[in-house]
């Protein structure tokens, strides 16, 4: 997939969306563990739990990045927004 010029927030959004497929396998593995032995499952239970935990962290990071982006854009609004002014707003918020 080619995404030249995509914002970091967009990349993170895409990562969260794609990670959803792995989470679905993790949820299925956890459900399946009630009926079959672990060696028959597509994912180890510890791995499945780690995947779900990482998915939660990934969504939290996406939310935080969105809030940060909104703050930076709010600081830059009302000014003549140039590459330099955005860079300065980002530097000040860090």
PDB file of N, CA and C in Angstrom:
ATOM      1  N   UNK A   1       0.831  -1.162   0.000  1.00  0.00           N
ATOM      2  CA  UNK A   1       0.000   0.000   0.000  1.00  0.00           C
ATOM      3  C   UNK A   1       0.883   1.234   0.000  1.00  0.00           C
ATOM      4  N   UNK A   2       0.567   2.155  -0.863  1.00  0.00           N
ATOM      5  CA  UNK A   2       1.351   3.373  -0.967  1.00  0.00           C
ATOM      6  C   UNK A   2       0.540   4.527  -0.395  1.00  0.00           C
ATOM      7  N   UNK A   3       1.121   5.212   0.575  1.00  0.00           N
ATOM      8  CA  UNK A   3       0.417   6.305   1.249  1.00  0.00           C
ATOM      9  C   UNK A   3       1.335   7.517   1.372  1.00  0.00           C
ATOM     10  N   UNK A   4       2.007   7.891   0.299  1.00  0.00           N
ATOM     11  CA  UNK A   4       2.894   9.052   0.339  1.00  0.00           C
ATOM     12  C   UNK A   4       2.125  10.275   0.819  1.00  0.00           C
ATOM     13  N   UNK A   5       2.687  10.955   1.785  1.00  0.00           N
ATOM     14  CA  UNK A   5       2.089  12.183   2.272  1.00  0.00           C
ATOM     15  C   UNK A   5       0.985  11.987   3.294  1.00  0.00           C
ATOM     16  N   UNK A   6       0.680  10.754   3.659  1.00  0.00           N
ATOM     17  CA  UNK A   6      -0.364  10.523   4.661  1.00  0.00           C
ATOM     18  C   UNK A   6       0.125  10.997   6.024  1.00  0.00           C
ATOM     19  N   UNK A   7      -0.787  11.527   6.797  1.00  0.00           N
ATOM     20  CA  UNK A   7      -0.419  12.012   8.120  1.00  0.00           C
ATOM     21  C   UNK A   7      -0.156  10.839   9.060  1.00  0.00           C
ATOM     22  N   UNK A   8       0.631  11.076  10.102  1.00  0.00           N
ATOM     23  CA  UNK A   8       0.850  10.014  11.089  1.00  0.00           C
ATOM     24  C   UNK A   8      -0.459   9.531  11.712  1.00  0.00           C
ATOM     25  N   UNK A   9      -1.410  10.438  11.893  1.00  0.00           N
ATOM     26  CA  UNK A   9      -2.703  10.044  12.452  1.00  0.00           C
ATOM     27  C   UNK A   9      -3.422   9.075  11.514  1.00  0.00           C
ATOM     28  N   UNK A  10      -3.304   9.315  10.214  1.00  0.00           N
ATOM     29  CA  UNK A  10      -3.937   8.410   9.232  1.00  0.00           C
ATOM     30  C   UNK A  10      -3.265   7.047   9.257  1.00  0.00           C
ATOM     31  N   UNK A  11      -1.945   7.023   9.351  1.00  0.00           N
ATOM     32  CA  UNK A  11      -1.223   5.751   9.444  1.00  0.00           C
ATOM     33  C   UNK A  11      -1.669   4.974  10.675  1.00  0.00           C
ATOM     34  N   UNK A  12      -1.817   5.677  11.796  1.00  0.00           N
ATOM     35  CA  UNK A  12      -2.239   5.031  13.028  1.00  0.00           C
ATOM     36  C   UNK A  12      -3.653   4.490  12.896  1.00  0.00           C
ATOM     37  N   UNK A  13      -4.509   5.242  12.253  1.00  0.00           N
ATOM     38  CA  UNK A  13      -5.883   4.783  12.018  1.00  0.00           C
ATOM     39  C   UNK A  13      -5.892   3.502  11.186  1.00  0.00           C
ATOM     40  N   UNK A  14      -5.083   3.471  10.161  1.00  0.00           N
ATOM     41  CA  UNK A  14      -5.003   2.275   9.310  1.00  0.00           C
ATOM     42  C   UNK A  14      -4.458   1.082  10.089  1.00  0.00           C
ATOM     43  N   UNK A  15      -3.479   1.319  10.938  1.00  0.00           N
ATOM     44  CA  UNK A  15      -2.903   0.260  11.751  1.00  0.00           C
ATOM     45  C   UNK A  15      -3.949  -0.316  12.704  1.00  0.00           C
ATOM     46  N   UNK A  16      -4.724   0.546  13.325  1.00  0.00           N
ATOM     47  CA  UNK A  16      -5.791   0.099  14.223  1.00  0.00           C
ATOM     48  C   UNK A  16      -6.798  -0.744  13.453  1.00  0.00           C
ATOM     49  N   UNK A  17      -7.197  -0.283  12.268  1.00  0.00           N
ATOM     50  CA  UNK A  17      -8.166  -1.028  11.452  1.00  0.00           C
ATOM     51  C   UNK A  17      -7.635  -2.408  11.074  1.00  0.00           C
ATOM     52  N   UNK A  18      -6.414  -2.455  10.639  1.00  0.00           N
ATOM     53  CA  UNK A  18      -5.831  -3.739  10.226  1.00  0.00           C
ATOM     54  C   UNK A  18      -5.610  -4.672  11.409  1.00  0.00           C
ATOM     55  N   UNK A  19      -5.297  -4.102  12.554  1.00  0.00           N
ATOM     56  CA  UNK A  19      -5.063  -4.918  13.734  1.00  0.00           C
ATOM     57  C   UNK A  19      -6.347  -5.605  14.186  1.00  0.00           C
ATOM     58  N   UNK A  20      -7.484  -5.063  13.795  1.00  0.00           N
ATOM     59  CA  UNK A  20      -8.768  -5.656  14.136  1.00  0.00           C
ATOM     60  C   UNK A  20      -8.892  -7.102  13.681  1.00  0.00           C
ATOM     61  N   UNK A  21      -8.298  -7.441  12.549  1.00  0.00           N
ATOM     62  CA  UNK A  21      -8.345  -8.820  12.060  1.00  0.00           C
ATOM     63  C   UNK A  21      -7.600  -9.756  13.007  1.00  0.00           C
ATOM     64  N   UNK A  22      -6.470  -9.309  13.512  1.00  0.00           N
ATOM     65  CA  UNK A  22      -5.714 -10.123  14.457  1.00  0.00           C
ATOM     66  C   UNK A  22      -6.471 -10.264  15.779  1.00  0.00           C
ATOM     67  N   UNK A  23      -7.149  -9.207  16.181  1.00  0.00           N
ATOM     68  CA  UNK A  23      -7.969  -9.282  17.387  1.00  0.00           C
ATOM     69  C   UNK A  23      -9.104 -10.286  17.221  1.00  0.00           C
ATOM     70  N   UNK A  24      -9.689 -10.347  16.039  1.00  0.00           N
ATOM     71  CA  UNK A  24     -10.765 -11.310  15.785  1.00  0.00           C
ATOM     72  C   UNK A  24     -10.260 -12.734  15.960  1.00  0.00           C
ATOM     73  N   UNK A  25      -9.055 -13.013  15.490  1.00  0.00           N
ATOM     74  CA  UNK A  25      -8.457 -14.340  15.673  1.00  0.00           C
ATOM     75  C   UNK A  25      -8.224 -14.600  17.154  1.00  0.00           C
ATOM     76  N   UNK A  26      -7.774 -13.589  17.872  1.00  0.00           N
ATOM     77  CA  UNK A  26      -7.531 -13.744  19.310  1.00  0.00           C
ATOM     78  C   UNK A  26      -8.830 -14.057  20.052  1.00  0.00           C
ATOM     79  N   UNK A  27      -9.891 -13.301  19.755  1.00  0.00           N
ATOM     80  CA  UNK A  27     -11.181 -13.569  20.399  1.00  0.00           C
ATOM     81  C   UNK A  27     -11.672 -14.982  20.066  1.00  0.00           C
ATOM     82  N   UNK A  28     -11.535 -15.370  18.811  1.00  0.00           N
ATOM     83  CA  UNK A  28     -11.957 -16.716  18.398  1.00  0.00           C
ATOM     84  C   UNK A  28     -11.163 -17.792  19.118  1.00  0.00           C
ATOM     85  N   UNK A  29      -9.875 -17.575  19.272  1.00  0.00           N
ATOM     86  CA  UNK A  29      -9.021 -18.546  19.961  1.00  0.00           C
ATOM     87  C   UNK A  29      -9.439 -18.694  21.421  1.00  0.00           C
ATOM     88  N   UNK A  30      -9.747 -17.586  22.051  1.00  0.00           N
ATOM     89  CA  UNK A  30     -10.171 -17.640  23.449  1.00  0.00           C
ATOM     90  C   UNK A  30     -11.491 -18.402  23.576  1.00  0.00           C
ATOM     91  N   UNK A  31     -12.427 -18.135  22.679  1.00  0.00           N
ATOM     92  CA  UNK A  31     -13.702 -18.865  22.699  1.00  0.00           C
ATOM     93  C   UNK A  31     -13.497 -20.349  22.405  1.00  0.00           C
ATOM     94  N   UNK A  32     -12.659 -20.630  21.423  1.00  0.00           N
ATOM     95  CA  UNK A  32     -12.414 -22.008  21.007  1.00  0.00           C
ATOM     96  C   UNK A  32     -11.722 -22.811  22.107  1.00  0.00           C
ATOM     97  N   UNK A  33     -10.963 -22.127  22.954  1.00  0.00           N
ATOM     98  CA  UNK A  33     -10.223 -22.828  24.011  1.00  0.00           C
ATOM     99  C   UNK A  33     -11.146 -23.556  24.989  1.00  0.00           C
ATOM    100  N   UNK A  34     -12.406 -23.196  25.008  1.00  0.00           N
ATOM    101  CA  UNK A  34     -13.370 -23.874  25.879  1.00  0.00           C
ATOM    102  C   UNK A  34     -13.719 -25.268  25.369  1.00  0.00           C
ATOM    103  N   UNK A  35     -13.450 -25.507  24.069  1.00  0.00           N
ATOM    104  CA  UNK A  35     -13.919 -26.743  23.447  1.00  0.00           C
ATOM    105  C   UNK A  35     -12.818 -27.651  22.910  1.00  0.00           C
ATOM    106  N   UNK A  36     -11.643 -27.099  22.641  1.00  0.00           N
ATOM    107  CA  UNK A  36     -10.556 -27.901  22.069  1.00  0.00           C
ATOM    108  C   UNK A  36      -9.266 -27.677  22.848  1.00  0.00           C
ATOM    109  N   UNK A  37      -8.323 -28.559  22.646  1.00  0.00           N
ATOM    110  CA  UNK A  37      -7.032 -28.381  23.319  1.00  0.00           C
ATOM    111  C   UNK A  37      -6.259 -27.239  22.670  1.00  0.00           C
ATOM    112  N   UNK A  38      -5.351 -26.670  23.441  1.00  0.00           N
ATOM    113  CA  UNK A  38      -4.612 -25.497  22.967  1.00  0.00           C
ATOM    114  C   UNK A  38      -3.780 -25.786  21.714  1.00  0.00           C
ATOM    115  N   UNK A  39      -3.327 -27.019  21.582  1.00  0.00           N
ATOM    116  CA  UNK A  39      -2.501 -27.345  20.419  1.00  0.00           C
ATOM    117  C   UNK A  39      -3.305 -27.312  19.111  1.00  0.00           C
ATOM    118  N   UNK A  40      -4.628 -27.358  19.187  1.00  0.00           N
ATOM    119  CA  UNK A  40      -5.471 -27.312  17.991  1.00  0.00           C
ATOM    120  C   UNK A  40      -5.878 -25.889  17.610  1.00  0.00           C
ATOM    121  N   UNK A  41      -5.561 -24.948  18.453  1.00  0.00           N
ATOM    122  CA  UNK A  41      -6.001 -23.577  18.213  1.00  0.00           C
ATOM    123  C   UNK A  41      -5.027 -22.835  17.303  1.00  0.00           C
ATOM    124  N   UNK A  42      -5.551 -21.796  16.661  1.00  0.00           N
ATOM    125  CA  UNK A  42      -4.724 -20.998  15.754  1.00  0.00           C
ATOM    126  C   UNK A  42      -3.802 -20.043  16.497  1.00  0.00           C
ATOM    127  N   UNK A  43      -4.085 -19.830  17.792  1.00  0.00           N
ATOM    128  CA  UNK A  43      -3.278 -18.887  18.561  1.00  0.00           C
ATOM    129  C   UNK A  43      -3.224 -19.353  20.020  1.00  0.00           C
ATOM    130  N   UNK A  44      -2.054 -19.320  20.589  1.00  0.00           N
ATOM    131  CA  UNK A  44      -1.849 -19.636  22.002  1.00  0.00           C
ATOM    132  C   UNK A  44      -2.645 -18.646  22.856  1.00  0.00           C
ATOM    133  N   UNK A  45      -3.176 -19.104  23.982  1.00  0.00           N
ATOM    134  CA  UNK A  45      -3.994 -18.225  24.825  1.00  0.00           C
ATOM    135  C   UNK A  45      -3.228 -17.024  25.367  1.00  0.00           C
ATOM    136  N   UNK A  46      -1.974 -17.218  25.748  1.00  0.00           N
ATOM    137  CA  UNK A  46      -1.183 -16.086  26.234  1.00  0.00           C
ATOM    138  C   UNK A  46      -0.962 -15.053  25.135  1.00  0.00           C
ATOM    139  N   UNK A  47      -0.744 -15.548  23.929  1.00  0.00           N
ATOM    140  CA  UNK A  47      -0.578 -14.647  22.786  1.00  0.00           C
ATOM    141  C   UNK A  47      -1.890 -13.915  22.514  1.00  0.00           C
ATOM    142  N   UNK A  48      -2.995 -14.639  22.582  1.00  0.00           N
ATOM    143  CA  UNK A  48      -4.304 -14.023  22.343  1.00  0.00           C
ATOM    144  C   UNK A  48      -4.570 -12.898  23.351  1.00  0.00           C
ATOM    145  N   UNK A  49      -4.274 -13.144  24.613  1.00  0.00           N
ATOM    146  CA  UNK A  49      -4.460 -12.112  25.634  1.00  0.00           C
ATOM    147  C   UNK A  49      -3.549 -10.916  25.376  1.00  0.00           C
ATOM    148  N   UNK A  50      -2.315 -11.175  24.972  1.00  0.00           N
ATOM    149  CA  UNK A  50      -1.370 -10.091  24.669  1.00  0.00           C
ATOM    150  C   UNK A  50      -1.848  -9.272  23.465  1.00  0.00           C
ATOM    151  N   UNK A  51      -2.398  -9.954  22.467  1.00  0.00           N
ATOM    152  CA  UNK A  51      -2.927  -9.270  21.279  1.00  0.00           C
ATOM    153  C   UNK A  51      -4.062  -8.332  21.683  1.00  0.00           C
ATOM    154  N   UNK A  52      -4.965  -8.827  22.518  1.00  0.00           N
ATOM    155  CA  UNK A  52      -6.090  -7.995  22.949  1.00  0.00           C
ATOM    156  C   UNK A  52      -5.619  -6.808  23.785  1.00  0.00           C
ATOM    157  N   UNK A  53      -4.638  -7.020  24.620  1.00  0.00           N
ATOM    158  CA  UNK A  53      -4.093  -5.932  25.422  1.00  0.00           C
ATOM    159  C   UNK A  53      -3.412  -4.888  24.539  1.00  0.00           C
ATOM    160  N   UNK A  54      -2.654  -5.364  23.550  1.00  0.00           N
ATOM    161  CA  UNK A  54      -1.998  -4.431  22.630  1.00  0.00           C
ATOM    162  C   UNK A  54      -3.029  -3.654  21.820  1.00  0.00           C
ATOM    163  N   UNK A  55      -4.102  -4.313  21.414  1.00  0.00           N
ATOM    164  CA  UNK A  55      -5.167  -3.633  20.672  1.00  0.00           C
ATOM    165  C   UNK A  55      -5.756  -2.488  21.471  1.00  0.00           C
ATOM    166  N   UNK A  56      -5.956  -2.717  22.760  1.00  0.00           N
ATOM    167  CA  UNK A  56      -6.463  -1.664  23.648  1.00  0.00           C
ATOM    168  C   UNK A  56      -5.464  -0.505  23.710  1.00  0.00           C
ATOM    169  N   UNK A  57      -4.182  -0.818  23.864  1.00  0.00           N
ATOM    170  CA  UNK A  57      -3.147   0.219  23.901  1.00  0.00           C
ATOM    171  C   UNK A  57      -3.093   0.994  22.583  1.00  0.00           C
ATOM    172  N   UNK A  58      -3.262   0.278  21.489  1.00  0.00           N
ATOM    173  CA  UNK A  58      -3.229   0.909  20.167  1.00  0.00           C
ATOM    174  C   UNK A  58      -4.391   1.889  20.000  1.00  0.00           C
ATOM    175  N   UNK A  59      -5.575   1.498  20.434  1.00  0.00           N
ATOM    176  CA  UNK A  59      -6.725   2.402  20.359  1.00  0.00           C
ATOM    177  C   UNK A  59      -6.526   3.614  21.279  1.00  0.00           C
ATOM    178  N   UNK A  60      -5.957   3.390  22.460  1.00  0.00           N
ATOM    179  CA  UNK A  60      -5.671   4.522  23.363  1.00  0.00           C
ATOM    180  C   UNK A  60      -4.670   5.483  22.728  1.00  0.00           C
ATOM    181  N   UNK A  61      -3.659   4.941  22.057  1.00  0.00           N
ATOM    182  CA  UNK A  61      -2.669   5.785  21.378  1.00  0.00           C
ATOM    183  C   UNK A  61      -3.315   6.572  20.248  1.00  0.00           C
ATOM    184  N   UNK A  62      -4.216   5.926  19.518  1.00  0.00           N
ATOM    185  CA  UNK A  62      -4.911   6.619  18.435  1.00  0.00           C
ATOM    186  C   UNK A  62      -5.751   7.766  18.988  1.00  0.00           C
ATOM    187  N   UNK A  63      -6.439   7.524  20.077  1.00  0.00           N
ATOM    188  CA  UNK A  63      -7.261   8.566  20.689  1.00  0.00           C
ATOM    189  C   UNK A  63      -6.392   9.728  21.176  1.00  0.00           C
ATOM    190  N   UNK A  64      -5.289   9.412  21.839  1.00  0.00           N
ATOM    191  CA  UNK A  64      -4.386  10.448  22.343  1.00  0.00           C
ATOM    192  C   UNK A  64      -3.775  11.247  21.183  1.00  0.00           C
ATOM    193  N   UNK A  65      -3.414  10.567  20.112  1.00  0.00           N
ATOM    194  CA  UNK A  65      -2.843  11.260  18.953  1.00  0.00           C
ATOM    195  C   UNK A  65      -3.863  12.201  18.328  1.00  0.00           C
ATOM    196  N   UNK A  66      -5.105  11.760  18.284  1.00  0.00           N
ATOM    197  CA  UNK A  66      -6.157  12.616  17.745  1.00  0.00           C
ATOM    198  C   UNK A  66      -6.375  13.854  18.589  1.00  0.00           C
ATOM    199  N   UNK A  67      -6.376  13.687  19.896  1.00  0.00           N
ATOM    200  CA  UNK A  67      -6.532  14.824  20.803  1.00  0.00           C
ATOM    201  C   UNK A  67      -5.360  15.788  20.671  1.00  0.00           C
ATOM    202  N   UNK A  68      -4.151  15.245  20.581  1.00  0.00           N
ATOM    203  CA  UNK A  68      -2.957  16.074  20.441  1.00  0.00           C
ATOM    204  C   UNK A  68      -3.017  16.858  19.132  1.00  0.00           C
ATOM    205  N   UNK A  69      -3.414  16.181  18.062  1.00  0.00           N
ATOM    206  CA  UNK A  69      -3.509  16.837  16.756  1.00  0.00           C
ATOM    207  C   UNK A  69      -4.529  17.966  16.802  1.00  0.00           C
ATOM    208  N   UNK A  70      -5.667  17.704  17.454  1.00  0.00           N
ATOM    209  CA  UNK A  70      -6.687  18.753  17.578  1.00  0.00           C
ATOM    210  C   UNK A  70      -6.146  19.961  18.328  1.00  0.00           C
ATOM    211  N   UNK A  71      -5.370  19.720  19.390  1.00  0.00           N
ATOM    212  CA  UNK A  71      -4.787  20.829  20.161  1.00  0.00           C
ATOM    213  C   UNK A  71      -3.813  21.634  19.312  1.00  0.00           C
ATOM    214  N   UNK A  72      -2.966  20.952  18.565  1.00  0.00           N
ATOM    215  CA  UNK A  72      -1.980  21.645  17.730  1.00  0.00           C
ATOM    216  C   UNK A  72      -2.678  22.462  16.656  1.00  0.00           C
ATOM    217  N   UNK A  73      -3.697  21.887  16.036  1.00  0.00           N
ATOM    218  CA  UNK A  73      -4.423  22.614  14.996  1.00  0.00           C
ATOM    219  C   UNK A  73      -5.178  23.807  15.585  1.00  0.00           C
ATOM    220  N   UNK A  74      -5.702  23.639  16.800  1.00  0.00           N
ATOM    221  CA  UNK A  74      -6.401  24.754  17.453  1.00  0.00           C
ATOM    222  C   UNK A  74      -5.428  25.893  17.740  1.00  0.00           C
ATOM    223  N   UNK A  75      -4.210  25.544  18.166  1.00  0.00           N
ATOM    224  CA  UNK A  75      -3.206  26.574  18.436  1.00  0.00           C
ATOM    225  C   UNK A  75      -2.796  27.281  17.148  1.00  0.00           C
ATOM    226  N   UNK A  76      -2.786  26.549  16.050  1.00  0.00           N
ATOM    227  CA  UNK A  76      -2.344  27.121  14.780  1.00  0.00           C
ATOM    228  C   UNK A  76      -3.458  27.887  14.071  1.00  0.00           C
ATOM    229  N   UNK A  77      -4.715  27.629  14.443  1.00  0.00           N
ATOM    230  CA  UNK A  77      -5.824  28.301  13.757  1.00  0.00           C
ATOM    231  C   UNK A  77      -5.824  29.789  14.095  1.00  0.00           C
ATOM    232  N   UNK A  78      -6.314  30.550  13.166  1.00  0.00           N
ATOM    233  CA  UNK A  78      -6.339  31.988  13.379  1.00  0.00           C
ATOM    234  C   UNK A  78      -5.046  32.657  12.981  1.00  0.00           C
ATOM    235  N   UNK A  79      -4.035  31.868  12.720  1.00  0.00           N
ATOM    236  CA  UNK A  79      -2.758  32.417  12.257  1.00  0.00           C
ATOM    237  C   UNK A  79      -2.597  32.032  10.793  1.00  0.00           C
ATOM    238  N   UNK A  80      -1.673  32.659  10.171  1.00  0.00           N
ATOM    239  CA  UNK A  80      -1.318  32.270   8.813  1.00  0.00           C
ATOM    240  C   UNK A  80      -0.576  30.938   8.938  1.00  0.00           C
ATOM    241  N   UNK A  81      -1.241  29.849   8.615  1.00  0.00           N
ATOM    242  CA  UNK A  81      -0.681  28.523   8.840  1.00  0.00           C
ATOM    243  C   UNK A  81       0.302  28.182   7.727  1.00  0.00           C
ATOM    244  N   UNK A  82       1.556  28.101   8.124  1.00  0.00           N
ATOM    245  CA  UNK A  82       2.619  27.696   7.212  1.00  0.00           C
ATOM    246  C   UNK A  82       3.302  26.485   7.819  1.00  0.00           C
ATOM    247  N   UNK A  83       4.178  25.893   7.061  1.00  0.00           N
ATOM    248  CA  UNK A  83       4.946  24.760   7.589  1.00  0.00           C
ATOM    249  C   UNK A  83       5.677  25.178   8.854  1.00  0.00           C
ATOM    250  N   UNK A  84       6.247  26.358   8.841  1.00  0.00           N
ATOM    251  CA  UNK A  84       7.007  26.848   9.996  1.00  0.00           C
ATOM    252  C   UNK A  84       6.106  27.069  11.214  1.00  0.00           C
ATOM    253  N   UNK A  85       4.925  27.656  11.007  1.00  0.00           N
ATOM    254  CA  UNK A  85       4.035  27.898  12.152  1.00  0.00           C
ATOM    255  C   UNK A  85       3.517  26.590  12.732  1.00  0.00           C
ATOM    256  N   UNK A  86       3.237  25.594  11.893  1.00  0.00           N
ATOM    257  CA  UNK A  86       2.831  24.281  12.402  1.00  0.00           C
ATOM    258  C   UNK A  86       3.971  23.639  13.177  1.00  0.00           C
ATOM    259  N   UNK A  87       5.192  23.743  12.646  1.00  0.00           N
ATOM    260  CA  UNK A  87       6.356  23.188  13.341  1.00  0.00           C
ATOM    261  C   UNK A  87       6.522  23.850  14.710  1.00  0.00           C
ATOM    262  N   UNK A  88       6.349  25.159  14.772  1.00  0.00           N
ATOM    263  CA  UNK A  88       6.466  25.873  16.038  1.00  0.00           C
ATOM    264  C   UNK A  88       5.376  25.455  17.009  1.00  0.00           C
ATOM    265  N   UNK A  89       4.149  25.293  16.536  1.00  0.00           N
ATOM    266  CA  UNK A  89       3.044  24.874  17.401  1.00  0.00           C
ATOM    267  C   UNK A  89       3.287  23.474  17.946  1.00  0.00           C
ATOM    268  N   UNK A  90       3.813  22.594  17.099  1.00  0.00           N
ATOM    269  CA  UNK A  90       4.114  21.241  17.539  1.00  0.00           C
ATOM    270  C   UNK A  90       5.239  21.254  18.573  1.00  0.00           C
ATOM    271  N   UNK A  91       6.253  22.044  18.332  1.00  0.00           N
ATOM    272  CA  UNK A  91       7.378  22.139  19.264  1.00  0.00           C
ATOM    273  C   UNK A  91       6.936  22.663  20.620  1.00  0.00           C
ATOM    274  N   UNK A  92       6.039  23.631  20.632  1.00  0.00           N
ATOM    275  CA  UNK A  92       5.561  24.223  21.880  1.00  0.00           C
ATOM    276  C   UNK A  92       4.691  23.267  22.668  1.00  0.00           C
ATOM    277  N   UNK A  93       3.974  22.370  21.975  1.00  0.00           N
ATOM    278  CA  UNK A  93       3.059  21.457  22.682  1.00  0.00           C
ATOM    279  C   UNK A  93       3.760  20.216  23.197  1.00  0.00           C
ATOM    280  N   UNK A  94       4.989  19.994  22.782  1.00  0.00           N
ATOM    281  CA  UNK A  94       5.717  18.791  23.209  1.00  0.00           C
ATOM    282  C   UNK A  94       6.295  18.935  24.591  1.00  0.00           C
TER     283      UNK A  94
END
